[in-house]
Structure formats: C-alpha cells, structure tokens
Protein backbone atom coordinates (compact mmCIF):
# COMPACT_ATOMS: atom_id res chain seq x y z
CA MET A 1 28.17 177.78 28.86
CA GLU A 2 30.52 178.85 26.07
CA HIS A 3 33.57 181.05 26.37
CA GLN A 4 36.39 182.15 24.05
CA VAL A 5 39.89 183.34 24.88
CA PHE A 6 42.67 184.44 22.55
CA VAL A 7 46.28 183.73 23.46
CA PRO A 8 49.36 184.86 21.49
CA VAL A 9 50.89 181.37 21.50
CA PRO A 10 51.09 178.77 18.70
CA ALA A 11 48.66 175.87 19.02
CA ASP A 12 51.51 173.34 18.98
CA ASP A 13 52.98 174.84 22.16
CA LEU A 14 49.60 174.72 23.89
CA ARG A 15 49.08 171.09 22.91
CA ALA A 16 52.45 170.21 24.43
CA VAL A 17 51.34 171.72 27.74
CA LEU A 18 47.91 170.05 27.73
CA ARG A 19 49.45 166.63 27.11
CA ASP A 20 51.51 166.87 30.33
CA PRO A 21 49.33 166.49 33.48
CA ALA A 22 52.01 168.04 35.69
CA ARG A 23 52.08 171.18 33.56
CA VAL A 24 48.28 171.26 33.40
CA ALA A 25 48.19 171.22 37.21
CA ARG A 26 50.32 174.38 37.27
CA CYS A 27 47.80 176.04 34.96
CA VAL A 28 44.84 175.61 37.32
CA PRO A 29 44.75 178.81 39.40
CA GLY A 30 44.77 178.10 43.12
CA LEU A 31 45.02 174.31 42.92
CA GLN A 32 46.68 172.84 46.01
CA GLN A 33 47.96 169.44 45.01
CA ASP A 34 47.76 166.49 47.37
CA ALA A 35 51.01 165.35 48.93
CA ASP A 36 50.13 161.77 47.94
CA THR A 37 51.59 161.39 44.43
CA GLU A 38 49.58 158.20 43.82
CA THR A 39 46.42 160.26 43.33
CA GLY A 40 48.00 162.02 40.36
CA PRO A 41 49.07 165.62 39.78
CA LEU A 42 45.51 166.79 39.14
CA ALA A 43 44.12 165.88 42.57
CA GLY A 44 43.88 168.21 45.52
CA ARG A 45 41.94 171.16 46.85
CA LEU A 46 40.55 174.11 44.94
CA LYS A 47 38.98 177.18 46.51
CA VAL A 48 36.37 178.82 44.28
CA ARG A 49 34.88 182.26 44.76
CA VAL A 50 31.35 182.96 43.60
CA GLY A 51 30.10 186.45 44.31
CA GLY A 52 30.96 187.21 47.91
CA SER A 53 31.20 183.56 49.01
CA THR A 54 34.02 181.06 48.91
CA VAL A 55 33.74 177.27 48.75
CA THR A 56 36.64 174.82 49.00
CA TYR A 57 36.40 171.51 47.13
CA ARG A 58 38.53 168.41 47.29
CA GLY A 59 38.54 166.38 44.09
CA ALA A 60 40.36 165.28 40.96
CA LEU A 61 40.54 166.21 37.29
CA THR A 62 41.27 164.07 34.24
CA VAL A 63 42.40 165.32 30.82
CA THR A 64 41.72 163.41 27.61
CA GLU A 65 42.97 164.31 24.14
CA ARG A 66 40.23 163.40 21.67
CA THR A 67 41.99 164.64 18.56
CA PRO A 68 44.93 166.99 18.01
CA GLY A 69 43.59 170.30 19.19
CA HIS A 70 40.58 168.84 21.01
CA PHE A 71 40.77 168.13 24.75
CA THR A 72 38.14 167.27 27.35
CA PHE A 73 38.38 167.81 31.09
CA ASP A 74 36.23 165.83 33.52
CA GLY A 75 36.27 166.61 37.22
CA GLU A 76 34.36 166.12 40.43
CA GLY A 77 34.76 167.45 43.93
CA THR A 78 33.25 167.44 47.39
CA GLU A 79 32.95 170.36 49.75
CA VAL A 80 35.65 170.29 52.41
CA ARG A 81 33.22 171.69 54.97
CA GLY A 82 29.90 170.28 53.92
CA ASN A 83 28.23 167.51 51.97
CA GLY A 84 27.79 169.31 48.68
CA THR A 85 29.28 167.89 45.48
CA VAL A 86 29.97 169.21 42.02
CA LYS A 87 30.66 167.46 38.71
CA PHE A 88 31.67 169.21 35.53
CA ALA A 89 32.79 168.53 31.98
CA LEU A 90 34.83 171.02 29.96
CA ASP A 91 35.45 170.78 26.24
CA LEU A 92 38.41 172.72 24.80
CA ARG A 93 39.21 173.21 21.13
CA LEU A 94 42.33 174.94 19.84
CA THR A 95 41.93 176.96 16.64
CA THR A 96 44.89 178.55 14.92
CA VAL A 97 44.28 182.22 14.13
CA PRO A 98 46.59 185.02 12.97
CA GLU A 99 49.19 185.81 15.65
CA GLY A 100 48.06 183.11 18.04
CA THR A 101 45.42 180.59 19.03
CA ARG A 102 41.77 180.85 19.94
CA LEU A 103 40.56 178.73 22.84
CA ASP A 104 36.90 177.69 22.57
CA PHE A 105 35.48 176.42 25.87
CA THR A 106 32.18 174.61 26.30
CA ALA A 107 31.34 173.78 29.91
CA GLY A 108 28.54 172.05 31.76
CA ALA A 109 28.16 171.14 35.44
CA THR A 110 25.80 169.73 38.05
CA ALA A 111 26.06 170.73 41.69
CA ASP A 112 24.28 170.50 45.01
CA GLY A 113 24.97 171.92 48.43
CA ARG A 114 26.13 175.51 48.65
CA ALA A 115 26.96 175.76 44.95
CA ALA A 116 23.34 175.07 44.03
CA ALA A 117 22.25 178.20 45.90
CA PHE A 118 24.43 180.56 43.87
CA PRO A 119 22.73 182.78 41.27
CA PRO A 120 23.40 181.48 37.72
CA GLU A 121 24.90 184.80 36.63
CA ALA A 122 27.36 184.83 39.53
CA ALA A 123 28.36 181.21 38.88
CA ALA A 124 28.92 181.90 35.16
CA THR A 125 31.06 184.94 35.97
CA ALA A 126 33.18 182.90 38.38
CA VAL A 127 33.72 180.14 35.79
CA GLN A 128 34.68 182.63 33.08
CA ARG A 129 37.12 184.29 35.42
CA LEU A 130 38.67 180.93 36.24
CA LEU A 131 38.99 180.05 32.54
CA ASP A 132 40.63 183.40 31.78
CA ARG A 133 43.17 182.77 34.52
CA ALA A 134 43.81 179.25 33.26
CA ALA A 135 44.39 180.54 29.73
CA GLY A 136 46.92 183.01 31.06
CA GLN A 137 48.66 180.20 32.89
CA LEU A 138 48.75 178.16 29.67
CA VAL A 139 50.66 181.01 28.04
CA LEU A 140 53.17 181.02 30.88
CA GLY A 141 53.38 177.24 30.89
CA SER A 142 54.22 177.12 27.19
CA ALA A 143 57.24 179.41 27.62
CA PRO A 144 60.71 177.88 28.14
CA ASP A 145 61.57 177.40 31.82
CA ALA A 146 58.03 178.38 32.67
CA VAL A 147 57.00 178.98 36.23
CA SER A 148 53.55 179.40 37.68
CA ASP A 149 52.13 182.85 38.14
CA PRO A 150 52.40 183.69 41.87
CA VAL A 151 49.91 186.55 41.59
CA ALA A 152 47.12 184.35 40.24
CA GLU A 153 47.83 181.66 42.80
CA ALA A 154 47.83 184.14 45.66
CA GLU A 155 44.48 185.54 44.56
CA GLU A 156 42.79 182.15 44.25
CA ALA A 157 44.47 180.02 46.94
CA GLU A 158 43.98 181.18 50.51
CA GLY A 159 44.69 177.96 52.39
CA GLY A 160 42.59 174.81 52.05
CA ASP A 161 42.17 174.21 55.77
CA GLY A 162 40.62 177.59 56.55
CA GLU A 163 36.96 178.28 57.08
CA ASP A 164 34.99 179.15 53.95
CA GLY A 165 33.70 182.71 54.07
CA GLU A 166 30.35 184.09 53.07
CA GLY A 167 28.82 187.48 52.39
CA PRO A 168 29.65 190.44 50.18
CA GLY A 169 32.19 191.80 52.62
CA TYR A 170 34.25 188.63 52.79
CA VAL A 171 37.89 189.34 51.87
CA GLU A 172 39.78 186.41 53.39
CA ASP A 173 43.58 186.66 52.85
CA ASP A 174 43.26 189.42 50.25
CA VAL A 175 45.72 191.51 52.26
CA THR A 176 49.35 190.67 51.62
CA GLU A 177 51.41 190.59 54.80
CA VAL A 178 54.44 192.84 54.80
CA THR A 179 57.33 190.87 56.26
CA ALA A 180 60.14 193.27 55.44
CA PRO A 181 61.08 195.60 58.31
CA LEU A 182 59.79 199.08 57.66
CA PHE A 183 61.89 200.85 60.26
CA GLU A 184 65.38 199.46 60.63
CA THR A 185 66.87 202.50 62.38
CA GLU A 186 66.33 202.78 66.08
CA ALA A 187 64.83 206.09 67.15
CA PRO A 188 66.84 207.95 69.80
CA PRO A 189 65.12 208.56 73.13
CA PRO A 190 63.36 211.94 73.35
CA SER A 191 65.02 214.72 75.25
CA ALA A 192 63.29 217.78 76.67
CA ASP A 193 66.49 219.81 76.50
CA PRO A 194 67.74 220.50 72.97
CA PHE A 195 71.17 221.25 74.34
CA LEU A 196 71.37 217.73 75.77
CA ALA A 197 70.06 216.06 72.58
CA GLY A 198 72.55 217.81 70.29
CA ARG A 199 73.79 221.12 69.01
CA PHE A 200 71.74 223.55 67.01
CA GLU A 201 73.04 224.84 63.73
CA GLY A 202 75.38 227.75 64.24
CA THR A 203 76.10 226.95 67.89
CA ASP A 204 79.34 225.05 67.38
CA GLY A 205 81.79 226.18 70.01
CA ALA A 206 79.13 228.01 72.08
CA PRO A 207 79.34 227.38 75.83
CA ARG A 208 76.87 224.90 77.22
CA PRO A 209 74.62 226.01 80.11
CA PRO A 210 75.37 224.58 83.54
CA ALA A 211 73.86 221.22 84.36
CA GLU A 212 71.78 222.67 87.22
CA ALA A 213 70.29 225.32 84.95
CA ALA A 214 69.36 222.68 82.39
CA HIS A 215 67.72 220.57 85.09
CA ALA A 216 65.78 223.59 86.35
CA ARG A 217 64.61 224.32 82.81
CA ARG A 218 63.39 220.74 82.37
CA THR A 219 61.60 220.95 85.74
CA MET A 220 59.75 224.11 84.74
CA ILE A 221 58.56 222.66 81.41
CA GLY A 222 55.87 220.52 83.02
CA ARG A 223 54.41 223.39 85.07
CA SER A 224 51.64 225.73 83.94
CA ALA A 225 52.32 229.28 82.81
CA GLU A 226 50.50 230.66 85.86
CA GLU A 227 52.72 228.70 88.22
CA VAL A 228 55.83 229.79 86.37
CA ASP A 229 54.77 233.47 86.46
CA HIS A 230 53.41 233.76 90.00
CA ALA A 231 54.46 230.83 92.14
CA PRO A 232 57.91 230.78 93.67
CA PRO A 233 60.03 227.78 92.87
CA ARG A 234 59.80 224.85 95.23
CA GLY A 235 62.03 221.99 96.16
CA ARG A 236 65.76 222.16 95.82
CA TYR A 237 65.44 225.38 93.77
CA ALA A 238 63.24 227.24 96.29
CA PRO A 239 64.74 230.51 97.59
CA VAL A 240 66.71 230.05 100.81
CA PRO A 241 65.49 232.42 103.60
CA ALA A 242 68.05 234.75 105.16
CA PRO A 243 69.52 233.45 108.44
CA ALA A 244 67.87 234.95 111.55
CA SER A 245 69.96 237.66 113.28
CA ALA A 246 71.44 236.61 116.63
CA THR A 247 71.86 240.27 117.78
CA ALA A 248 68.20 240.69 118.73
CA GLY A 249 68.24 237.66 120.97
CA ASP A 250 71.45 238.69 122.67
CA SER A 251 70.12 242.23 123.28
CA LEU A 252 66.97 240.89 124.91
CA ARG A 253 69.06 238.78 127.24
CA TRP A 254 70.90 241.89 128.56
CA ILE A 255 68.05 244.43 128.46
CA ALA A 256 65.66 242.44 130.69
CA PRO A 257 68.00 242.18 133.74
CA ALA A 258 69.14 245.81 133.34
CA ALA A 259 65.56 247.02 133.24
CA ALA A 260 64.76 245.05 136.41
CA ILE A 261 67.79 246.53 138.22
CA ALA A 262 66.87 250.04 137.10
CA LEU A 263 63.30 249.58 138.32
CA ALA A 264 64.47 248.25 141.70
CA SER A 265 66.92 251.15 142.07
CA ALA A 266 64.17 253.66 141.35
CA VAL A 267 61.96 252.11 144.04
CA VAL A 268 64.77 252.19 146.63
CA ILE A 269 65.67 255.79 145.83
CA GLY A 270 62.03 256.83 146.02
CA ARG A 271 61.60 255.32 149.50
CA ALA A 272 64.82 256.96 150.72
CA LEU A 273 63.63 260.38 149.60
CA ARG A 274 60.32 259.91 151.37
CA ARG A 275 62.07 259.08 154.65
CA ARG A 276 64.16 262.25 154.52
CA ARG A 277 61.05 264.33 154.20
C-alpha cells in the first residue's frame, strides 16, 4: 500500500523528530507505552480500529534511518485478547517541496487472527487514517516545546485493558465524560404558596394573609374542583355546629309534671261533680 501526506514543515525538522525514539513514540496515535523503560520507548499497547471492530495489540516498533530522508519502521504485535499476530514494515521517504515536505509511505503487513478476517478495503482505510494522524503528530512534534495532541490520543486510545469491541454499532469510550459540575446553585424547595416563597412584583408593603388562611389555601389545592365547589370543608376547618339550646330541655322538665297534675285535677273534679248529681 502506498500513501502520501503533505506537511507544512521543513524536512530537517522532521528528520530531527524521527531520529529521537521518544519523540517518535509521541507521534504514534493511541500508543500506550510500557512502564518498563528497558523495553524502549516504542513498546507498549496500541488499539486499532478497523471498520466497526477494535483490536488491541501489544508489541514493539523499531526505527532505522537508511539515508538522510529515508526511514524504515519494523513492528510486530500480538493480540491482547487472542492469539492473532501482525507484522508490518513501513518505508518513509521525505521529499522537500514548496512550502513544506511530502511524506511518501510504502507499507506491507502479514496478519492472522482477527485482523486476517477484515476486508482489505477496511484495513487499508484504517492504515491510511493512522498514517494521517501520525503525520499530524510529526508536525506538532517538530514545533518548539511540542506536546502530544490530546484529541488524537483520546480518539485512538480507549484503555488497553478493556474488552475489544465488535460490530458496526461499537462506540467504546467515544463519549467524553463531563466532570465539571453543571448545576452549582442549589435549587430552593418548592412552595405551594407564592406568598410564602417570596413577594410578587408590585406587592412590596402589602399585608400578608394570615397563616391559617394560607394553610387552608394549601389544603384546598390538592382537592378536586367538585369537592371544592360542593363539599363542605372537613377537619379543623369544618363548620362548627351551633350549640344545642338548653331551653327546650328545661321546658320539658316542667311541662310533664304540670300536665300530670292538671290531668289528675280534672279527674278529681269530674268525680266530685258526678257525686253531687
């Protein structure tokens, strides 16, 4: 496979980067270097996306300068979760052109395992994308006080210990987590009575309703319109019945004995009149 990339950087600056393995390691998008420094700066894990699948390899890369402006890269890796292997050789030539440098890549690889099942077109697209990212990192690496591109690393490196995903819908770690607090102001508790929550505009100085009236208003809010219109209030706000009159009871107490006496008197008088006749 052949691929060309133009970069607006002098060839001498690019050669200085390619001669330093530590700077080359920063130009490989998504490379997670091993903590063991004895293996060299170009050893570690690399997660590669091909189509909708992702494969993580552990391996190493060596860079050799054949002539000024001609570099070769030889690498091999083994699947972290599997037995598949891949070996590749990449030839890079730097050609000075107006306003920059042209990078001519020639790549070849052999693979087995999951990589062997990828369609050739999808594999070629993934390699070209990786080379484009690496060329962009070379531009950044050639600048004074250069730092690696965090965007490219975040897109390629999603954690070497995670499970490799498969399928067209696989989007592992593509979503950036938002760690900054979105709502720093505490919301006040809701209040059913606007007069208790605060004043309305234009009501400054207006008298506040009594506390009992406000409580009654809050109590009526949860009731249906039919209950409010037709049902009398219940509970502590139910109407108090008028006290029963004590006069009726007292009158009954006196009327009953008087009626009995009057009836007895009438009987006695009636008998007396009969005797006289």
